[in-house]
Amino acid sequence: MMYVASGTLNCRADPAARSRLVEKLAGDDQVDARETQGDWVKLNRTGKDCWVAKRFLSESPPIETEPAAPAARLYEVVLFFWTG
């Protein structure tokens, strides 16, 4: 198993950047890699195989992070201490 390591990833019909687009994968999608050809990896996608550039895949699952504080709340905290 591998993971998409970019925001989105184009999965193509052949191992070439100008090949027909088959599917767009989302960041952190889990994919099943079948074979490699140079810098390309063939994925087994429910009934249709397609190719992606190897540099956009990772063998490690994505790291879960805490969501950032909303900007409005941060502004309230800063304003409180400034006017305090």
PDB file of N, CA and C in Angstrom:
ATOM      1  N   MET A   1       0.840  -1.181   0.000  1.00  0.00           N
ATOM      2  CA  MET A   1       0.000   0.000   0.000  1.00  0.00           C
ATOM      3  C   MET A   1       0.882   1.240   0.000  1.00  0.00           C
ATOM      4  N   MET A   2       0.432   2.252  -0.695  1.00  0.00           N
ATOM      5  CA  MET A   2       1.119   3.542  -0.723  1.00  0.00           C
ATOM      6  C   MET A   2       0.079   4.637  -0.540  1.00  0.00           C
ATOM      7  N   TYR A   3       0.554   5.861  -0.344  1.00  0.00           N
ATOM      8  CA  TYR A   3      -0.319   7.000  -0.087  1.00  0.00           C
ATOM      9  C   TYR A   3       0.019   8.149  -1.022  1.00  0.00           C
ATOM     10  N   VAL A   4      -1.005   8.875  -1.454  1.00  0.00           N
ATOM     11  CA  VAL A   4      -0.796  10.069  -2.267  1.00  0.00           C
ATOM     12  C   VAL A   4      -0.197  11.133  -1.342  1.00  0.00           C
ATOM     13  N   ALA A   5       0.954  11.673  -1.744  1.00  0.00           N
ATOM     14  CA  ALA A   5       1.687  12.614  -0.900  1.00  0.00           C
ATOM     15  C   ALA A   5       1.638  14.037  -1.460  1.00  0.00           C
ATOM     16  N   SER A   6       0.560  14.384  -2.124  1.00  0.00           N
ATOM     17  CA  SER A   6       0.371  15.749  -2.629  1.00  0.00           C
ATOM     18  C   SER A   6      -1.113  16.090  -2.490  1.00  0.00           C
ATOM     19  N   GLY A   7      -1.461  17.345  -2.718  1.00  0.00           N
ATOM     20  CA  GLY A   7      -2.861  17.776  -2.573  1.00  0.00           C
ATOM     21  C   GLY A   7      -3.804  17.007  -3.475  1.00  0.00           C
ATOM     22  N   THR A   8      -3.454  16.897  -4.748  1.00  0.00           N
ATOM     23  CA  THR A   8      -4.170  16.067  -5.711  1.00  0.00           C
ATOM     24  C   THR A   8      -3.125  15.433  -6.616  1.00  0.00           C
ATOM     25  N   LEU A   9      -3.502  14.384  -7.295  1.00  0.00           N
ATOM     26  CA  LEU A   9      -2.566  13.675  -8.162  1.00  0.00           C
ATOM     27  C   LEU A   9      -3.302  13.152  -9.387  1.00  0.00           C
ATOM     28  N   ASN A  10      -2.776  13.474 -10.566  1.00  0.00           N
ATOM     29  CA  ASN A  10      -3.366  12.991 -11.816  1.00  0.00           C
ATOM     30  C   ASN A  10      -2.928  11.560 -12.075  1.00  0.00           C
ATOM     31  N   CYS A  11      -3.887  10.689 -12.306  1.00  0.00           N
ATOM     32  CA  CYS A  11      -3.619   9.294 -12.644  1.00  0.00           C
ATOM     33  C   CYS A  11      -3.883   9.154 -14.149  1.00  0.00           C
ATOM     34  N   ARG A  12      -2.880   8.718 -14.902  1.00  0.00           N
ATOM     35  CA  ARG A  12      -2.918   8.767 -16.368  1.00  0.00           C
ATOM     36  C   ARG A  12      -2.990   7.385 -17.007  1.00  0.00           C
ATOM     37  N   ALA A  13      -3.434   7.351 -18.252  1.00  0.00           N
ATOM     38  CA  ALA A  13      -3.619   6.097 -18.985  1.00  0.00           C
ATOM     39  C   ALA A  13      -2.282   5.402 -19.279  1.00  0.00           C
ATOM     40  N   ASP A  14      -1.240   6.177 -19.497  1.00  0.00           N
ATOM     41  CA  ASP A  14       0.088   5.646 -19.810  1.00  0.00           C
ATOM     42  C   ASP A  14       1.128   6.375 -18.961  1.00  0.00           C
ATOM     43  N   PRO A  15       2.316   5.810 -18.821  1.00  0.00           N
ATOM     44  CA  PRO A  15       3.353   6.446 -17.999  1.00  0.00           C
ATOM     45  C   PRO A  15       4.023   7.623 -18.712  1.00  0.00           C
ATOM     46  N   ALA A  16       3.267   8.684 -18.928  1.00  0.00           N
ATOM     47  CA  ALA A  16       3.773   9.886 -19.581  1.00  0.00           C
ATOM     48  C   ALA A  16       2.948  11.090 -19.127  1.00  0.00           C
ATOM     49  N   ALA A  17       3.614  12.223 -18.901  1.00  0.00           N
ATOM     50  CA  ALA A  17       2.943  13.412 -18.376  1.00  0.00           C
ATOM     51  C   ALA A  17       1.836  13.928 -19.284  1.00  0.00           C
ATOM     52  N   ARG A  18       1.931  13.690 -20.584  1.00  0.00           N
ATOM     53  CA  ARG A  18       0.915  14.186 -21.519  1.00  0.00           C
ATOM     54  C   ARG A  18      -0.131  13.130 -21.876  1.00  0.00           C
ATOM     55  N   SER A  19      -0.086  12.007 -21.195  1.00  0.00           N
ATOM     56  CA  SER A  19      -1.054  10.931 -21.436  1.00  0.00           C
ATOM     57  C   SER A  19      -2.444  11.347 -20.944  1.00  0.00           C
ATOM     58  N   ARG A  20      -3.459  10.698 -21.471  1.00  0.00           N
ATOM     59  CA  ARG A  20      -4.861  10.995 -21.116  1.00  0.00           C
ATOM     60  C   ARG A  20      -5.094  10.826 -19.607  1.00  0.00           C
ATOM     61  N   LEU A  21      -5.775  11.795 -19.020  1.00  0.00           N
ATOM     62  CA  LEU A  21      -6.130  11.753 -17.601  1.00  0.00           C
ATOM     63  C   LEU A  21      -7.251  10.743 -17.381  1.00  0.00           C
ATOM     64  N   VAL A  22      -7.024   9.804 -16.461  1.00  0.00           N
ATOM     65  CA  VAL A  22      -8.026   8.778 -16.152  1.00  0.00           C
ATOM     66  C   VAL A  22      -8.806   9.153 -14.896  1.00  0.00           C
ATOM     67  N   GLU A  23      -8.085   9.675 -13.903  1.00  0.00           N
ATOM     68  CA  GLU A  23      -8.703   9.947 -12.600  1.00  0.00           C
ATOM     69  C   GLU A  23      -7.843  10.943 -11.840  1.00  0.00           C
ATOM     70  N   LYS A  24      -8.483  11.770 -11.003  1.00  0.00           N
ATOM     71  CA  LYS A  24      -7.752  12.651 -10.087  1.00  0.00           C
ATOM     72  C   LYS A  24      -7.855  12.047  -8.694  1.00  0.00           C
ATOM     73  N   LEU A  25      -6.713  11.838  -8.079  1.00  0.00           N
ATOM     74  CA  LEU A  25      -6.679  11.284  -6.729  1.00  0.00           C
ATOM     75  C   LEU A  25      -6.547  12.414  -5.722  1.00  0.00           C
ATOM     76  N   ALA A  26      -7.118  12.224  -4.544  1.00  0.00           N
ATOM     77  CA  ALA A  26      -7.043  13.232  -3.488  1.00  0.00           C
ATOM     78  C   ALA A  26      -5.821  12.983  -2.608  1.00  0.00           C
ATOM     79  N   GLY A  27      -5.358  14.046  -1.979  1.00  0.00           N
ATOM     80  CA  GLY A  27      -4.239  13.918  -1.051  1.00  0.00           C
ATOM     81  C   GLY A  27      -4.554  12.919   0.042  1.00  0.00           C
ATOM     82  N   ASP A  28      -3.578  12.131   0.419  1.00  0.00           N
ATOM     83  CA  ASP A  28      -3.670  11.108   1.463  1.00  0.00           C
ATOM     84  C   ASP A  28      -4.495   9.878   1.067  1.00  0.00           C
ATOM     85  N   ASP A  29      -4.943   9.792  -0.204  1.00  0.00           N
ATOM     86  CA  ASP A  29      -5.614   8.566  -0.660  1.00  0.00           C
ATOM     87  C   ASP A  29      -4.663   7.388  -0.523  1.00  0.00           C
ATOM     88  N   GLN A  30      -5.202   6.247  -0.165  1.00  0.00           N
ATOM     89  CA  GLN A  30      -4.431   5.017  -0.094  1.00  0.00           C
ATOM     90  C   GLN A  30      -4.561   4.325  -1.448  1.00  0.00           C
ATOM     91  N   VAL A  31      -3.434   3.888  -2.033  1.00  0.00           N
ATOM     92  CA  VAL A  31      -3.454   3.285  -3.361  1.00  0.00           C
ATOM     93  C   VAL A  31      -2.680   1.977  -3.368  1.00  0.00           C
ATOM     94  N   ASP A  32      -3.007   1.131  -4.336  1.00  0.00           N
ATOM     95  CA  ASP A  32      -2.378  -0.176  -4.492  1.00  0.00           C
ATOM     96  C   ASP A  32      -1.435  -0.128  -5.693  1.00  0.00           C
ATOM     97  N   ALA A  33      -0.132  -0.062  -5.433  1.00  0.00           N
ATOM     98  CA  ALA A  33       0.876   0.006  -6.498  1.00  0.00           C
ATOM     99  C   ALA A  33       1.127  -1.388  -7.067  1.00  0.00           C
ATOM    100  N   ARG A  34       1.138  -1.499  -8.401  1.00  0.00           N
ATOM    101  CA  ARG A  34       1.321  -2.783  -9.078  1.00  0.00           C
ATOM    102  C   ARG A  34       2.726  -2.976  -9.636  1.00  0.00           C
ATOM    103  N   GLU A  35       3.192  -2.012 -10.395  1.00  0.00           N
ATOM    104  CA  GLU A  35       4.510  -2.139 -11.024  1.00  0.00           C
ATOM    105  C   GLU A  35       5.092  -0.755 -11.249  1.00  0.00           C
ATOM    106  N   THR A  36       6.389  -0.711 -11.528  1.00  0.00           N
ATOM    107  CA  THR A  36       7.029   0.564 -11.831  1.00  0.00           C
ATOM    108  C   THR A  36       7.641   0.514 -13.223  1.00  0.00           C
ATOM    109  N   GLN A  37       7.742   1.680 -13.821  1.00  0.00           N
ATOM    110  CA  GLN A  37       8.391   1.816 -15.121  1.00  0.00           C
ATOM    111  C   GLN A  37       9.092   3.176 -15.088  1.00  0.00           C
ATOM    112  N   GLY A  38      10.407   3.156 -14.843  1.00  0.00           N
ATOM    113  CA  GLY A  38      11.149   4.399 -14.691  1.00  0.00           C
ATOM    114  C   GLY A  38      10.656   5.169 -13.483  1.00  0.00           C
ATOM    115  N   ASP A  39      10.217   6.401 -13.697  1.00  0.00           N
ATOM    116  CA  ASP A  39       9.727   7.253 -12.616  1.00  0.00           C
ATOM    117  C   ASP A  39       8.225   7.164 -12.420  1.00  0.00           C
ATOM    118  N   TRP A  40       7.588   6.148 -13.009  1.00  0.00           N
ATOM    119  CA  TRP A  40       6.141   6.000 -12.951  1.00  0.00           C
ATOM    120  C   TRP A  40       5.746   4.733 -12.212  1.00  0.00           C
ATOM    121  N   VAL A  41       4.582   4.788 -11.552  1.00  0.00           N
ATOM    122  CA  VAL A  41       4.037   3.638 -10.826  1.00  0.00           C
ATOM    123  C   VAL A  41       2.638   3.354 -11.356  1.00  0.00           C
ATOM    124  N   LYS A  42       2.379   2.090 -11.654  1.00  0.00           N
ATOM    125  CA  LYS A  42       1.053   1.676 -12.123  1.00  0.00           C
ATOM    126  C   LYS A  42       0.202   1.328 -10.906  1.00  0.00           C
ATOM    127  N   LEU A  43      -0.992   1.919 -10.859  1.00  0.00           N
ATOM    128  CA  LEU A  43      -1.910   1.684  -9.742  1.00  0.00           C
ATOM    129  C   LEU A  43      -3.078   0.829 -10.189  1.00  0.00           C
ATOM    130  N   ASN A  44      -3.526  -0.039  -9.306  1.00  0.00           N
ATOM    131  CA  ASN A  44      -4.725  -0.830  -9.543  1.00  0.00           C
ATOM    132  C   ASN A  44      -5.895  -0.052  -8.955  1.00  0.00           C
ATOM    133  N   ARG A  45      -6.708   0.524  -9.806  1.00  0.00           N
ATOM    134  CA  ARG A  45      -7.852   1.326  -9.377  1.00  0.00           C
ATOM    135  C   ARG A  45      -9.125   0.635  -9.843  1.00  0.00           C
ATOM    136  N   THR A  46      -9.959   0.200  -8.975  1.00  0.00           N
ATOM    137  CA  THR A  46     -11.229  -0.454  -9.234  1.00  0.00           C
ATOM    138  C   THR A  46     -11.592  -0.581 -10.707  1.00  0.00           C
ATOM    139  N   GLY A  47     -11.068  -1.602 -11.328  1.00  0.00           N
ATOM    140  CA  GLY A  47     -11.416  -1.900 -12.708  1.00  0.00           C
ATOM    141  C   GLY A  47     -10.641  -1.143 -13.769  1.00  0.00           C
ATOM    142  N   LYS A  48      -9.835  -0.168 -13.394  1.00  0.00           N
ATOM    143  CA  LYS A  48      -9.053   0.573 -14.389  1.00  0.00           C
ATOM    144  C   LYS A  48      -7.681   0.902 -13.809  1.00  0.00           C
ATOM    145  N   ASP A  49      -6.655   0.419 -14.454  1.00  0.00           N
ATOM    146  CA  ASP A  49      -5.308   0.745 -14.018  1.00  0.00           C
ATOM    147  C   ASP A  49      -4.929   2.108 -14.558  1.00  0.00           C
ATOM    148  N   CYS A  50      -4.071   2.812 -13.830  1.00  0.00           N
ATOM    149  CA  CYS A  50      -3.570   4.094 -14.307  1.00  0.00           C
ATOM    150  C   CYS A  50      -2.185   4.329 -13.713  1.00  0.00           C
ATOM    151  N   TRP A  51      -1.493   5.327 -14.235  1.00  0.00           N
ATOM    152  CA  TRP A  51      -0.108   5.604 -13.873  1.00  0.00           C
ATOM    153  C   TRP A  51       0.034   6.950 -13.194  1.00  0.00           C
ATOM    154  N   VAL A  52       0.928   7.010 -12.180  1.00  0.00           N
ATOM    155  CA  VAL A  52       1.250   8.264 -11.495  1.00  0.00           C
ATOM    156  C   VAL A  52       2.768   8.401 -11.379  1.00  0.00           C
ATOM    157  N   ALA A  53       3.238   9.633 -11.258  1.00  0.00           N
ATOM    158  CA  ALA A  53       4.657   9.875 -11.030  1.00  0.00           C
ATOM    159  C   ALA A  53       5.020   9.405  -9.619  1.00  0.00           C
ATOM    160  N   LYS A  54       6.071   8.615  -9.529  1.00  0.00           N
ATOM    161  CA  LYS A  54       6.498   8.002  -8.267  1.00  0.00           C
ATOM    162  C   LYS A  54       6.778   9.035  -7.177  1.00  0.00           C
ATOM    163  N   ARG A  55       7.288  10.214  -7.541  1.00  0.00           N
ATOM    164  CA  ARG A  55       7.681  11.206  -6.532  1.00  0.00           C
ATOM    165  C   ARG A  55       6.501  11.746  -5.728  1.00  0.00           C
ATOM    166  N   PHE A  56       5.268  11.498  -6.200  1.00  0.00           N
ATOM    167  CA  PHE A  56       4.090  11.981  -5.487  1.00  0.00           C
ATOM    168  C   PHE A  56       3.444  10.919  -4.599  1.00  0.00           C
ATOM    169  N   LEU A  57       4.151   9.799  -4.395  1.00  0.00           N
ATOM    170  CA  LEU A  57       3.652   8.728  -3.527  1.00  0.00           C
ATOM    171  C   LEU A  57       4.566   8.568  -2.319  1.00  0.00           C
ATOM    172  N   SER A  58       4.006   8.055  -1.233  1.00  0.00           N
ATOM    173  CA  SER A  58       4.763   7.791  -0.020  1.00  0.00           C
ATOM    174  C   SER A  58       4.388   6.423   0.516  1.00  0.00           C
ATOM    175  N   GLU A  59       5.351   5.741   1.108  1.00  0.00           N
ATOM    176  CA  GLU A  59       5.062   4.453   1.740  1.00  0.00           C
ATOM    177  C   GLU A  59       4.542   4.643   3.160  1.00  0.00           C
ATOM    178  N   SER A  60       4.687   5.839   3.702  1.00  0.00           N
ATOM    179  CA  SER A  60       4.243   6.133   5.069  1.00  0.00           C
ATOM    180  C   SER A  60       2.856   6.755   5.064  1.00  0.00           C
ATOM    181  N   PRO A  61       2.024   6.359   6.005  1.00  0.00           N
ATOM    182  CA  PRO A  61       0.699   6.984   6.097  1.00  0.00           C
ATOM    183  C   PRO A  61       0.846   8.449   6.491  1.00  0.00           C
ATOM    184  N   PRO A  62      -0.137   9.274   6.153  1.00  0.00           N
ATOM    185  CA  PRO A  62      -0.063  10.696   6.509  1.00  0.00           C
ATOM    186  C   PRO A  62      -0.061  10.888   8.018  1.00  0.00           C
ATOM    187  N   ILE A  63       0.582  11.937   8.475  1.00  0.00           N
ATOM    188  CA  ILE A  63       0.634  12.257   9.899  1.00  0.00           C
ATOM    189  C   ILE A  63      -0.559  13.138  10.232  1.00  0.00           C
ATOM    190  N   GLU A  64      -1.303  12.730  11.248  1.00  0.00           N
ATOM    191  CA  GLU A  64      -2.456  13.513  11.693  1.00  0.00           C
ATOM    192  C   GLU A  64      -1.952  14.708  12.477  1.00  0.00           C
ATOM    193  N   THR A  65      -2.474  15.894  12.176  1.00  0.00           N
ATOM    194  CA  THR A  65      -2.093  17.104  12.899  1.00  0.00           C
ATOM    195  C   THR A  65      -3.330  17.778  13.455  1.00  0.00           C
ATOM    196  N   GLU A  66      -3.127  18.570  14.504  1.00  0.00           N
ATOM    197  CA  GLU A  66      -4.223  19.333  15.089  1.00  0.00           C
ATOM    198  C   GLU A  66      -4.582  20.490  14.162  1.00  0.00           C
ATOM    199  N   PRO A  67      -5.851  20.790  13.991  1.00  0.00           N
ATOM    200  CA  PRO A  67      -6.223  21.933  13.153  1.00  0.00           C
ATOM    201  C   PRO A  67      -5.749  23.238  13.794  1.00  0.00           C
ATOM    202  N   ALA A  68      -5.398  24.189  12.970  1.00  0.00           N
ATOM    203  CA  ALA A  68      -4.940  25.494  13.452  1.00  0.00           C
ATOM    204  C   ALA A  68      -6.103  26.260  14.074  1.00  0.00           C
ATOM    205  N   ALA A  69      -5.779  27.128  15.003  1.00  0.00           N
ATOM    206  CA  ALA A  69      -6.809  27.960  15.634  1.00  0.00           C
ATOM    207  C   ALA A  69      -7.373  28.933  14.605  1.00  0.00           C
ATOM    208  N   PRO A  70      -8.671  29.137  14.604  1.00  0.00           N
ATOM    209  CA  PRO A  70      -9.252  30.105  13.663  1.00  0.00           C
ATOM    210  C   PRO A  70      -8.665  31.492  13.894  1.00  0.00           C
ATOM    211  N   ALA A  71      -8.474  32.245  12.834  1.00  0.00           N
ATOM    212  CA  ALA A  71      -7.858  33.570  12.904  1.00  0.00           C
ATOM    213  C   ALA A  71      -8.656  34.516  13.801  1.00  0.00           C
ATOM    214  N   ALA A  72      -9.975  34.456  13.772  1.00  0.00           N
ATOM    215  CA  ALA A  72     -10.799  35.356  14.584  1.00  0.00           C
ATOM    216  C   ALA A  72     -10.538  35.138  16.068  1.00  0.00           C
ATOM    217  N   ARG A  73     -10.421  33.898  16.483  1.00  0.00           N
ATOM    218  CA  ARG A  73     -10.175  33.586  17.898  1.00  0.00           C
ATOM    219  C   ARG A  73      -8.798  34.082  18.307  1.00  0.00           C
ATOM    220  N   LEU A  74      -7.807  33.911  17.473  1.00  0.00           N
ATOM    221  CA  LEU A  74      -6.457  34.377  17.755  1.00  0.00           C
ATOM    222  C   LEU A  74      -6.455  35.896  17.926  1.00  0.00           C
ATOM    223  N   TYR A  75      -7.210  36.588  17.080  1.00  0.00           N
ATOM    224  CA  TYR A  75      -7.321  38.044  17.157  1.00  0.00           C
ATOM    225  C   TYR A  75      -7.913  38.452  18.502  1.00  0.00           C
ATOM    226  N   GLU A  76      -8.936  37.744  18.994  1.00  0.00           N
ATOM    227  CA  GLU A  76      -9.552  38.057  20.280  1.00  0.00           C
ATOM    228  C   GLU A  76      -8.545  37.941  21.409  1.00  0.00           C
ATOM    229  N   VAL A  77      -7.730  36.904  21.383  1.00  0.00           N
ATOM    230  CA  VAL A  77      -6.742  36.680  22.437  1.00  0.00           C
ATOM    231  C   VAL A  77      -5.708  37.799  22.422  1.00  0.00           C
ATOM    232  N   VAL A  78      -5.196  38.150  21.257  1.00  0.00           N
ATOM    233  CA  VAL A  78      -4.203  39.216  21.144  1.00  0.00           C
ATOM    234  C   VAL A  78      -4.804  40.539  21.593  1.00  0.00           C
ATOM    235  N   LEU A  79      -6.012  40.841  21.171  1.00  0.00           N
ATOM    236  CA  LEU A  79      -6.679  42.089  21.536  1.00  0.00           C
ATOM    237  C   LEU A  79      -6.887  42.164  23.044  1.00  0.00           C
ATOM    238  N   PHE A  80      -7.252  41.076  23.685  1.00  0.00           N
ATOM    239  CA  PHE A  80      -7.463  41.037  25.120  1.00  0.00           C
ATOM    240  C   PHE A  80      -6.184  41.415  25.858  1.00  0.00           C
ATOM    241  N   PHE A  81      -5.076  40.802  25.479  1.00  0.00           N
ATOM    242  CA  PHE A  81      -3.819  41.086  26.167  1.00  0.00           C
ATOM    243  C   PHE A  81      -3.315  42.505  25.862  1.00  0.00           C
ATOM    244  N   TRP A  82      -3.587  43.011  24.692  1.00  0.00           N
ATOM    245  CA  TRP A  82      -3.126  44.342  24.303  1.00  0.00           C
ATOM    246  C   TRP A  82      -3.894  45.438  25.051  1.00  0.00           C
ATOM    247  N   THR A  83      -5.233  45.227  25.197  1.00  0.00           N
ATOM    248  CA  THR A  83      -6.062  46.240  25.853  1.00  0.00           C
ATOM    249  C   THR A  83      -6.192  45.984  27.344  1.00  0.00           C
ATOM    250  N   GLY A  84      -5.918  44.768  27.752  1.00  0.00           N
ATOM    251  CA  GLY A  84      -6.072  44.246  29.063  1.00  0.00           C
ATOM    252  C   GLY A  84      -5.965  45.120  30.186  1.00  0.00           C
TER     253      GLY A  84
END
